[in-house]
C-alpha atoms as a PDB file:
ATOM      1  CA  MET A   1       0.196  -0.181  -0.413  1.00  0.00           C
ATOM      2  CA  LYS A   2       1.236   3.817  -0.776  1.00  0.00           C
ATOM      3  CA  GLN A   3       0.526   6.678  -0.181  1.00  0.00           C
ATOM      4  CA  THR A   4       1.470  10.544  -1.610  1.00  0.00           C
ATOM      5  CA  VAL A   5       0.990  13.481   0.257  1.00  0.00           C
ATOM      6  CA  LEU A   6      -0.204  16.383  -2.458  1.00  0.00           C
ATOM      7  CA  ALA A   7      -0.578  19.627  -0.570  1.00  0.00           C
ATOM      8  CA  ALA A   8      -0.588  20.954   3.165  1.00  0.00           C
ATOM      9  CA  GLY A   9      -0.927  24.419   4.252  1.00  0.00           C
ATOM     10  CA  LEU A  10      -2.056  27.390   2.583  1.00  0.00           C
ATOM     11  CA  PHE A  11      -2.920  27.314  -1.302  1.00  0.00           C
ATOM     12  CA  LEU A  12      -5.653  27.589  -3.580  1.00  0.00           C
ATOM     13  CA  ILE A  13      -7.218  24.383  -5.093  1.00  0.00           C
ATOM     14  CA  THR A  14      -8.950  24.616  -8.324  1.00  0.00           C
ATOM     15  CA  ALA A  15     -11.003  21.136  -8.794  1.00  0.00           C
ATOM     16  CA  ILE A  16     -10.900  20.648 -12.465  1.00  0.00           C
ATOM     17  CA  GLY A  17     -13.975  19.429 -13.992  1.00  0.00           C
ATOM     18  CA  LEU A  18     -16.100  20.297 -10.542  1.00  0.00           C
ATOM     19  CA  ALA A  19     -19.101  22.545 -10.852  1.00  0.00           C
ATOM     20  CA  GLN A  20     -17.661  24.974  -8.219  1.00  0.00           C
ATOM     21  CA  ASP A  21     -13.653  25.773  -7.326  1.00  0.00           C
ATOM     22  CA  ILE A  22     -12.425  24.852  -3.702  1.00  0.00           C
ATOM     23  CA  GLN A  23     -11.249  27.959  -2.525  1.00  0.00           C
ATOM     24  CA  VAL A  24      -8.323  28.099   0.262  1.00  0.00           C
ATOM     25  CA  ASN A  25      -7.038  31.042   2.190  1.00  0.00           C
ATOM     26  CA  ARG A  26      -6.180  31.848   5.783  1.00  0.00           C
ATOM     27  CA  GLN A  27     -10.089  31.821   6.862  1.00  0.00           C
ATOM     28  CA  ASN A  28     -10.264  28.507   4.979  1.00  0.00           C
ATOM     29  CA  LYS A  29      -7.129  26.407   5.511  1.00  0.00           C
ATOM     30  CA  THR A  30      -7.237  22.707   3.803  1.00  0.00           C
ATOM     31  CA  ILE A  31      -4.788  19.620   3.762  1.00  0.00           C
ATOM     32  CA  ALA A  32      -5.194  17.335   0.720  1.00  0.00           C
ATOM     33  CA  VAL A  33      -4.106  13.721   0.501  1.00  0.00           C
ATOM     34  CA  THR A  34      -4.074  10.879  -2.036  1.00  0.00           C
ATOM     35  CA  ALA A  35      -3.981   7.090  -0.433  1.00  0.00           C
ATOM     36  CA  ASP A  36      -4.522   3.855  -2.411  1.00  0.00           C
ATOM     37  CA  GLU A  37      -6.076   1.119  -0.466  1.00  0.00           C
ATOM     38  CA  SER A  38      -6.745  -2.545  -2.112  1.00  0.00           C
ATOM     39  CA  ILE A  39      -8.884  -4.798  -0.520  1.00  0.00           C
ATOM     40  CA  THR A  40      -9.198  -8.790  -1.172  1.00  0.00           C
ATOM     41  CA  ALA A  41     -11.887 -11.596  -0.567  1.00  0.00           C
ATOM     42  CA  ASP A  42     -12.002 -14.979  -1.093  1.00  0.00           C
ATOM     43  CA  ALA A  43     -13.370 -15.803  -4.362  1.00  0.00           C
ATOM     44  CA  GLU A  44     -17.017 -16.709  -4.431  1.00  0.00           C
ATOM     45  CA  VAL A  45     -18.007 -17.106  -8.352  1.00  0.00           C
ATOM     46  CA  ALA A  46     -16.174 -18.971 -11.095  1.00  0.00           C
ATOM     47  CA  ILE A  47     -16.900 -18.332 -14.803  1.00  0.00           C
ATOM     48  CA  LEU A  48     -15.251 -21.364 -16.873  1.00  0.00           C
ATOM     49  CA  GLU A  49     -14.452 -21.533 -20.555  1.00  0.00           C
ATOM     50  CA  ILE A  50     -14.713 -25.023 -21.677  1.00  0.00           C
ATOM     51  CA  GLY A  51     -14.426 -25.950 -25.544  1.00  0.00           C
ATOM     52  CA  TYR A  52     -14.204 -28.657 -27.762  1.00  0.00           C
ATOM     53  CA  HIS A  53     -11.906 -28.216 -30.822  1.00  0.00           C
ATOM     54  CA  ASN A  54     -11.687 -30.543 -33.546  1.00  0.00           C
ATOM     55  CA  TYR A  55      -9.776 -31.180 -37.028  1.00  0.00           C
ATOM     56  CA  ALA A  56     -11.211 -33.160 -40.334  1.00  0.00           C
ATOM     57  CA  PRO A  57     -10.814 -33.590 -43.846  1.00  0.00           C
ATOM     58  CA  SER A  58     -13.828 -32.194 -44.996  1.00  0.00           C
ATOM     59  CA  GLN A  59     -16.096 -29.586 -43.636  1.00  0.00           C
ATOM     60  CA  GLU A  60     -18.830 -31.652 -43.182  1.00  0.00           C
ATOM     61  CA  THR A  61     -16.970 -34.205 -41.059  1.00  0.00           C
ATOM     62  CA  ALA A  62     -15.663 -31.266 -39.169  1.00  0.00           C
ATOM     63  CA  PHE A  63     -18.901 -29.971 -38.355  1.00  0.00           C
ATOM     64  CA  ARG A  64     -20.556 -33.263 -37.350  1.00  0.00           C
ATOM     65  CA  ASP A  65     -17.864 -34.637 -35.409  1.00  0.00           C
ATOM     66  CA  ASN A  66     -18.037 -31.100 -33.251  1.00  0.00           C
ATOM     67  CA  VAL A  67     -21.668 -31.592 -32.904  1.00  0.00           C
ATOM     68  CA  ARG A  68     -21.425 -34.782 -31.502  1.00  0.00           C
ATOM     69  CA  ALA A  69     -18.712 -33.547 -29.148  1.00  0.00           C
ATOM     70  CA  ALA A  70     -21.014 -30.330 -28.109  1.00  0.00           C
ATOM     71  CA  GLU A  71     -23.991 -32.471 -27.345  1.00  0.00           C
ATOM     72  CA  GLN A  72     -22.096 -34.779 -25.228  1.00  0.00           C
ATOM     73  CA  ILE A  73     -20.614 -31.829 -23.058  1.00  0.00           C
ATOM     74  CA  THR A  74     -23.430 -29.641 -22.875  1.00  0.00           C
ATOM     75  CA  LYS A  75     -25.391 -32.908 -21.644  1.00  0.00           C
ATOM     76  CA  ALA A  76     -22.634 -33.146 -18.813  1.00  0.00           C
ATOM     77  CA  PHE A  77     -23.127 -29.621 -17.899  1.00  0.00           C
ATOM     78  CA  LEU A  78     -26.979 -30.374 -17.661  1.00  0.00           C
ATOM     79  CA  ASP A  79     -26.595 -33.771 -15.845  1.00  0.00           C
ATOM     80  CA  ALA A  80     -24.478 -31.871 -13.465  1.00  0.00           C
ATOM     81  CA  LYS A  81     -27.352 -30.054 -12.372  1.00  0.00           C
ATOM     82  CA  ILE A  82     -26.184 -26.523 -13.957  1.00  0.00           C
ATOM     83  CA  PRO A  83     -28.638 -24.333 -14.789  1.00  0.00           C
ATOM     84  CA  LYS A  84     -29.343 -23.435 -18.576  1.00  0.00           C
ATOM     85  CA  GLY A  85     -28.916 -19.937 -17.871  1.00  0.00           C
ATOM     86  CA  ASN A  86     -25.585 -20.714 -16.191  1.00  0.00           C
ATOM     87  CA  ILE A  87     -24.465 -21.801 -19.407  1.00  0.00           C
ATOM     88  CA  GLU A  88     -23.557 -19.294 -22.289  1.00  0.00           C
ATOM     89  CA  THR A  89     -21.977 -20.172 -25.710  1.00  0.00           C
ATOM     90  CA  ASP A  90     -18.922 -18.229 -26.381  1.00  0.00           C
ATOM     91  CA  LYS A  91     -16.468 -19.369 -29.418  1.00  0.00           C
ATOM     92  CA  LEU A  92     -18.797 -21.169 -32.876  1.00  0.00           C
ATOM     93  CA  ARG A  93     -16.393 -21.524 -35.553  1.00  0.00           C
ATOM     94  CA  LEU A  94     -16.406 -23.669 -38.622  1.00  0.00           C
ATOM     95  CA  GLY A  95     -13.782 -22.941 -41.182  1.00  0.00           C
ATOM     96  CA  ARG A  96     -10.553 -24.053 -43.718  1.00  0.00           C
ATOM     97  CA  THR A  97      -7.463 -24.438 -41.354  1.00  0.00           C
ATOM     98  CA  GLU A  98      -4.314 -22.897 -42.179  1.00  0.00           C
ATOM     99  CA  THR A  99      -1.397 -25.342 -42.499  1.00  0.00           C
ATOM    100  CA  ASP A 100       1.305 -25.478 -40.197  1.00  0.00           C
ATOM    101  CA  GLU A 101       4.595 -26.042 -42.030  1.00  0.00           C
ATOM    102  CA  LYS A 102       5.590 -28.686 -39.285  1.00  0.00           C
ATOM    103  CA  TRP A 103       2.709 -30.985 -40.120  1.00  0.00           C
ATOM    104  CA  THR A 104       3.196 -34.444 -41.695  1.00  0.00           C
ATOM    105  CA  ALA A 105       1.748 -34.792 -45.127  1.00  0.00           C
ATOM    106  CA  ASP A 106      -0.949 -37.010 -43.305  1.00  0.00           C
ATOM    107  CA  MET A 107      -1.870 -34.035 -40.727  1.00  0.00           C
ATOM    108  CA  LYS A 108      -2.132 -31.589 -43.329  1.00  0.00           C
ATOM    109  CA  ARG A 109      -4.347 -33.998 -45.130  1.00  0.00           C
ATOM    110  CA  ASP A 110      -6.631 -34.434 -42.368  1.00  0.00           C
ATOM    111  CA  ARG A 111      -6.459 -31.252 -40.956  1.00  0.00           C
ATOM    112  CA  GLN A 112      -8.243 -29.287 -43.957  1.00  0.00           C
ATOM    113  CA  PHE A 113     -11.144 -28.071 -41.804  1.00  0.00           C
ATOM    114  CA  HIS A 114     -11.536 -27.147 -38.064  1.00  0.00           C
ATOM    115  CA  ALA A 115     -14.433 -26.433 -35.921  1.00  0.00           C
ATOM    116  CA  GLN A 116     -14.858 -24.929 -32.565  1.00  0.00           C
ATOM    117  CA  GLN A 117     -17.268 -24.308 -29.738  1.00  0.00           C
ATOM    118  CA  SER A 118     -16.842 -23.075 -26.575  1.00  0.00           C
ATOM    119  CA  TRP A 119     -18.677 -22.311 -23.220  1.00  0.00           C
ATOM    120  CA  HIS A 120     -19.052 -19.913 -20.508  1.00  0.00           C
ATOM    121  CA  VAL A 121     -20.168 -21.948 -17.359  1.00  0.00           C
ATOM    122  CA  THR A 122     -21.118 -19.878 -14.238  1.00  0.00           C
ATOM    123  CA  VAL A 123     -20.796 -21.422 -11.037  1.00  0.00           C
ATOM    124  CA  LEU A 124     -19.775 -21.444  -7.448  1.00  0.00           C
ATOM    125  CA  ALA A 125     -16.401 -21.501  -7.125  1.00  0.00           C
ATOM    126  CA  ALA A 126     -16.453 -24.452  -4.555  1.00  0.00           C
ATOM    127  CA  GLU A 127     -18.092 -26.485  -7.733  1.00  0.00           C
ATOM    128  CA  ALA A 128     -15.560 -25.029 -10.461  1.00  0.00           C
ATOM    129  CA  GLN A 129     -13.392 -28.254 -10.172  1.00  0.00           C
ATOM    130  CA  THR A 130     -16.506 -30.751 -10.170  1.00  0.00           C
ATOM    131  CA  VAL A 131     -17.182 -28.907 -13.407  1.00  0.00           C
ATOM    132  CA  VAL A 132     -14.166 -28.659 -14.968  1.00  0.00           C
ATOM    133  CA  ASP A 133     -13.756 -32.864 -13.866  1.00  0.00           C
ATOM    134  CA  VAL A 134     -17.505 -33.558 -15.639  1.00  0.00           C
ATOM    135  CA  SER A 135     -16.222 -31.347 -18.855  1.00  0.00           C
ATOM    136  CA  VAL A 136     -12.721 -33.275 -20.046  1.00  0.00           C
ATOM    137  CA  LYS A 137     -14.649 -36.390 -18.982  1.00  0.00           C
ATOM    138  CA  ALA A 138     -17.665 -35.957 -21.623  1.00  0.00           C
ATOM    139  CA  GLY A 139     -14.889 -34.906 -24.286  1.00  0.00           C
ATOM    140  CA  ALA A 140     -13.960 -31.200 -23.808  1.00  0.00           C
ATOM    141  CA  ASN A 141     -10.455 -30.617 -24.996  1.00  0.00           C
ATOM    142  CA  GLU A 142     -10.196 -26.953 -24.006  1.00  0.00           C
ATOM    143  CA  VAL A 143     -10.092 -25.364 -20.839  1.00  0.00           C
ATOM    144  CA  ASP A 144      -9.010 -21.813 -20.583  1.00  0.00           C
ATOM    145  CA  ASP A 145      -8.162 -18.941 -17.760  1.00  0.00           C
ATOM    146  CA  VAL A 146     -10.896 -19.055 -14.525  1.00  0.00           C
ATOM    147  CA  ASP A 147     -12.366 -16.123 -14.000  1.00  0.00           C
ATOM    148  CA  TRP A 148     -12.760 -15.928 -10.260  1.00  0.00           C
ATOM    149  CA  ASN A 149     -15.007 -13.090  -8.752  1.00  0.00           C
ATOM    150  CA  VAL A 150     -16.936 -12.301  -5.579  1.00  0.00           C
ATOM    151  CA  VAL A 151     -21.042 -12.336  -6.083  1.00  0.00           C
ATOM    152  CA  ASP A 152     -21.008  -8.610  -5.492  1.00  0.00           C
ATOM    153  CA  PRO A 153     -17.921  -6.545  -6.992  1.00  0.00           C
ATOM    154  CA  LEU A 154     -19.322  -3.452  -6.592  1.00  0.00           C
ATOM    155  CA  ALA A 155     -19.434  -4.122  -2.420  1.00  0.00           C
ATOM    156  CA  LEU A 156     -15.893  -4.870  -2.473  1.00  0.00           C
ATOM    157  CA  GLN A 157     -14.888  -2.076  -4.597  1.00  0.00           C
ATOM    158  CA  ALA A 158     -16.786   0.184  -1.832  1.00  0.00           C
ATOM    159  CA  LYS A 159     -14.899  -1.361   0.733  1.00  0.00           C
ATOM    160  CA  ALA A 160     -11.828  -0.439  -1.141  1.00  0.00           C
ATOM    161  CA  SER A 161     -12.862   2.950  -1.264  1.00  0.00           C
ATOM    162  CA  GLY A 162     -13.872   3.449   2.254  1.00  0.00           C
ATOM    163  CA  ALA A 163     -10.511   1.919   3.304  1.00  0.00           C
ATOM    164  CA  ALA A 164      -8.552   4.524   1.150  1.00  0.00           C
ATOM    165  CA  LEU A 165     -10.544   7.374   2.400  1.00  0.00           C
ATOM    166  CA  ALA A 166      -9.584   6.132   6.108  1.00  0.00           C
ATOM    167  CA  LYS A 167      -6.222   5.931   5.218  1.00  0.00           C
ATOM    168  CA  ALA A 168      -6.253   9.658   3.852  1.00  0.00           C
ATOM    169  CA  ARG A 169      -7.951  11.040   6.872  1.00  0.00           C
ATOM    170  CA  ALA A 170      -5.170   9.082   9.160  1.00  0.00           C
ATOM    171  CA  VAL A 171      -2.320  10.687   6.965  1.00  0.00           C
ATOM    172  CA  ALA A 172      -4.465  14.337   7.052  1.00  0.00           C
ATOM    173  CA  GLU A 173      -4.441  13.979  11.016  1.00  0.00           C
ATOM    174  CA  GLN A 174      -0.565  13.347  11.231  1.00  0.00           C
ATOM    175  CA  MET A 175       0.158  16.208   9.145  1.00  0.00           C
ATOM    176  CA  ALA A 176      -2.151  18.693  11.013  1.00  0.00           C
ATOM    177  CA  LYS A 177      -0.436  17.728  14.130  1.00  0.00           C
ATOM    178  CA  GLY A 178       2.842  18.601  12.498  1.00  0.00           C
ATOM    179  CA  LEU A 179       1.546  21.769  11.847  1.00  0.00           C
ATOM    180  CA  GLY A 180       0.581  22.584  15.356  1.00  0.00           C
ATOM    181  CA  THR A 181      -3.172  22.245  14.433  1.00  0.00           C
ATOM    182  CA  LYS A 182      -6.218  19.935  14.167  1.00  0.00           C
ATOM    183  CA  LEU A 183      -8.140  18.493  11.635  1.00  0.00           C
ATOM    184  CA  GLY A 184     -11.572  19.604  10.608  1.00  0.00           C
ATOM    185  CA  GLU A 185     -14.446  18.040   8.014  1.00  0.00           C
ATOM    186  CA  LEU A 186     -13.745  16.609   4.977  1.00  0.00           C
ATOM    187  CA  VAL A 187     -14.504  19.290   2.441  1.00  0.00           C
ATOM    188  CA  TYR A 188     -13.767  17.209  -0.894  1.00  0.00           C
ATOM    189  CA  ALA A 189     -13.392  13.721  -1.808  1.00  0.00           C
ATOM    190  CA  SER A 190     -13.035  11.910  -5.511  1.00  0.00           C
ATOM    191  CA  ASN A 191     -12.869   7.928  -6.145  1.00  0.00           C
ATOM    192  CA  ARG A 192     -10.216   7.134  -8.948  1.00  0.00           C
ATOM    193  CA  ALA A 193     -11.210   3.317  -8.445  1.00  0.00           C
ATOM    194  CA  PRO A 194     -11.084   1.523 -11.641  1.00  0.00           C
ATOM    195  CA  VAL A 195     -14.711   0.526 -13.180  1.00  0.00           C
ATOM    196  CA  ALA A 196     -15.647  -2.775 -11.533  1.00  0.00           C
ATOM    197  CA  LYS A 197     -15.532  -5.627 -14.056  1.00  0.00           C
ATOM    198  CA  PRO A 198     -18.877  -7.055 -14.557  1.00  0.00           C
ATOM    199  CA  TRP A 199     -19.743 -10.966 -14.175  1.00  0.00           C
ATOM    200  CA  ARG A 200     -22.300 -12.882 -16.102  1.00  0.00           C
ATOM    201  CA  GLY A 201     -25.573 -14.015 -13.799  1.00  0.00           C
ATOM    202  CA  MET A 202     -25.494 -16.932 -12.226  1.00  0.00           C
ATOM    203  CA  THR A 203     -28.863 -19.051 -10.687  1.00  0.00           C
ATOM    204  CA  GLN A 204     -27.295 -19.215  -6.967  1.00  0.00           C
ATOM    205  CA  ASN A 205     -29.256 -22.030  -5.713  1.00  0.00           C
ATOM    206  CA  ALA A 206     -28.200 -24.488  -8.278  1.00  0.00           C
ATOM    207  CA  THR A 207     -25.970 -27.336  -6.702  1.00  0.00           C
ATOM    208  CA  VAL A 208     -23.435 -29.010  -8.833  1.00  0.00           C
ATOM    209  CA  SER A 209     -23.699 -33.000  -8.645  1.00  0.00           C
ATOM    210  CA  THR A 210     -20.817 -35.145  -7.596  1.00  0.00           C
ATOM    211  CA  MET A 211     -20.734 -36.906 -10.737  1.00  0.00           C
ATOM    212  CA  ALA A 212     -16.793 -36.600 -10.340  1.00  0.00           C
ATOM    213  CA  VAL A 213     -16.892 -39.408  -7.987  1.00  0.00           C
ATOM    214  CA  ALA A 214     -16.552 -41.483 -11.100  1.00  0.00           C
ATOM    215  CA  ILE A 215     -13.598 -40.220 -12.650  1.00  0.00           C
ATOM    216  CA  ARG A 216     -11.599 -39.816  -9.249  1.00  0.00           C
ATOM    217  CA  GLU A 217      -9.000 -42.417 -10.201  1.00  0.00           C
ATOM    218  CA  GLU A 218      -8.171 -40.464 -13.844  1.00  0.00           C
ATOM    219  CA  PRO A 219      -5.635 -37.890 -14.288  1.00  0.00           C
ATOM    220  CA  LYS A 220      -7.296 -34.412 -13.959  1.00  0.00           C
ATOM    221  CA  LEU A 221      -6.534 -30.285 -13.882  1.00  0.00           C
ATOM    222  CA  THR A 222      -6.599 -29.039 -10.239  1.00  0.00           C
ATOM    223  CA  LEU A 223      -8.107 -25.660  -9.766  1.00  0.00           C
ATOM    224  CA  PHE A 224      -6.939 -23.160  -7.076  1.00  0.00           C
ATOM    225  CA  PRO A 225      -9.190 -20.406  -6.599  1.00  0.00           C
ATOM    226  CA  GLN A 226      -7.587 -16.901  -6.778  1.00  0.00           C
ATOM    227  CA  LYS A 227      -8.500 -14.012  -4.538  1.00  0.00           C
ATOM    228  CA  VAL A 228     -10.220 -11.317  -5.821  1.00  0.00           C
ATOM    229  CA  LYS A 229      -8.717  -7.949  -5.569  1.00  0.00           C
ATOM    230  CA  SER A 230     -10.700  -4.374  -5.669  1.00  0.00           C
ATOM    231  CA  ASP A 231      -8.454  -1.025  -6.108  1.00  0.00           C
ATOM    232  CA  ALA A 232      -9.209   2.346  -4.975  1.00  0.00           C
ATOM    233  CA  THR A 233      -7.566   5.716  -5.097  1.00  0.00           C
ATOM    234  CA  VAL A 234      -9.176   8.579  -3.426  1.00  0.00           C
ATOM    235  CA  TYR A 235      -8.095  12.221  -3.173  1.00  0.00           C
ATOM    236  CA  ALA A 236      -9.410  13.989   0.178  1.00  0.00           C
ATOM    237  CA  VAL A 237      -9.118  17.641   1.347  1.00  0.00           C
ATOM    238  CA  PHE A 238      -9.975  18.367   4.776  1.00  0.00           C
ATOM    239  CA  SER A 239     -10.110  21.412   6.730  1.00  0.00           C
ATOM    240  CA  ILE A 240      -8.078  22.655   9.506  1.00  0.00           C
ATOM    241  CA  GLU A 241      -8.536  25.046  12.446  1.00  0.00           C
END
């Protein structure tokens, strides 16, 4: 965590972009502080990107094979009791393949066309491992980065902003003591926190079935949920007596 003292004592602050200026003079003394703060929380939600990508010598074969695999994978989602509203199609591609010079002649012949489907699946963080296991068992061959989040990212950001403001006040109080005066009321504050990242909606009363029991002895990916972090920077101006 870091903090920067912008100014203290007697000066004139012009708040750019505000409807009115903050006037500072001998009758209206102020201290201005910028403070950064971060808040972390355990992940509550996981947004998984799961897909299937295949090649074939013909466009029709690539399409049919992909549809067959997609049906198995989506059926596994639904059999695991994931609500349809928590499953969204992400990528959907069908086309001719760009040849890789490292491929053998047989590979070039068998990979003239490719098809790809992927889905965003939103579940509780504790259920993410089971969903990945079930998906791979059903034939998924692509699992991209997991997007970990909290149920209410705006609330987490509000906590970070509140903590940054409290930190700014503590710094201002120390500055006021150094100036031999007392800190007064908050005159102005601005929050430069980044826009909270939205996440896809989720039916939260869903419980993923423990289908992973059947694949415990097979190799599987292991997920370790990340902490969710929210940053905020507050610029605050306080009066001094």
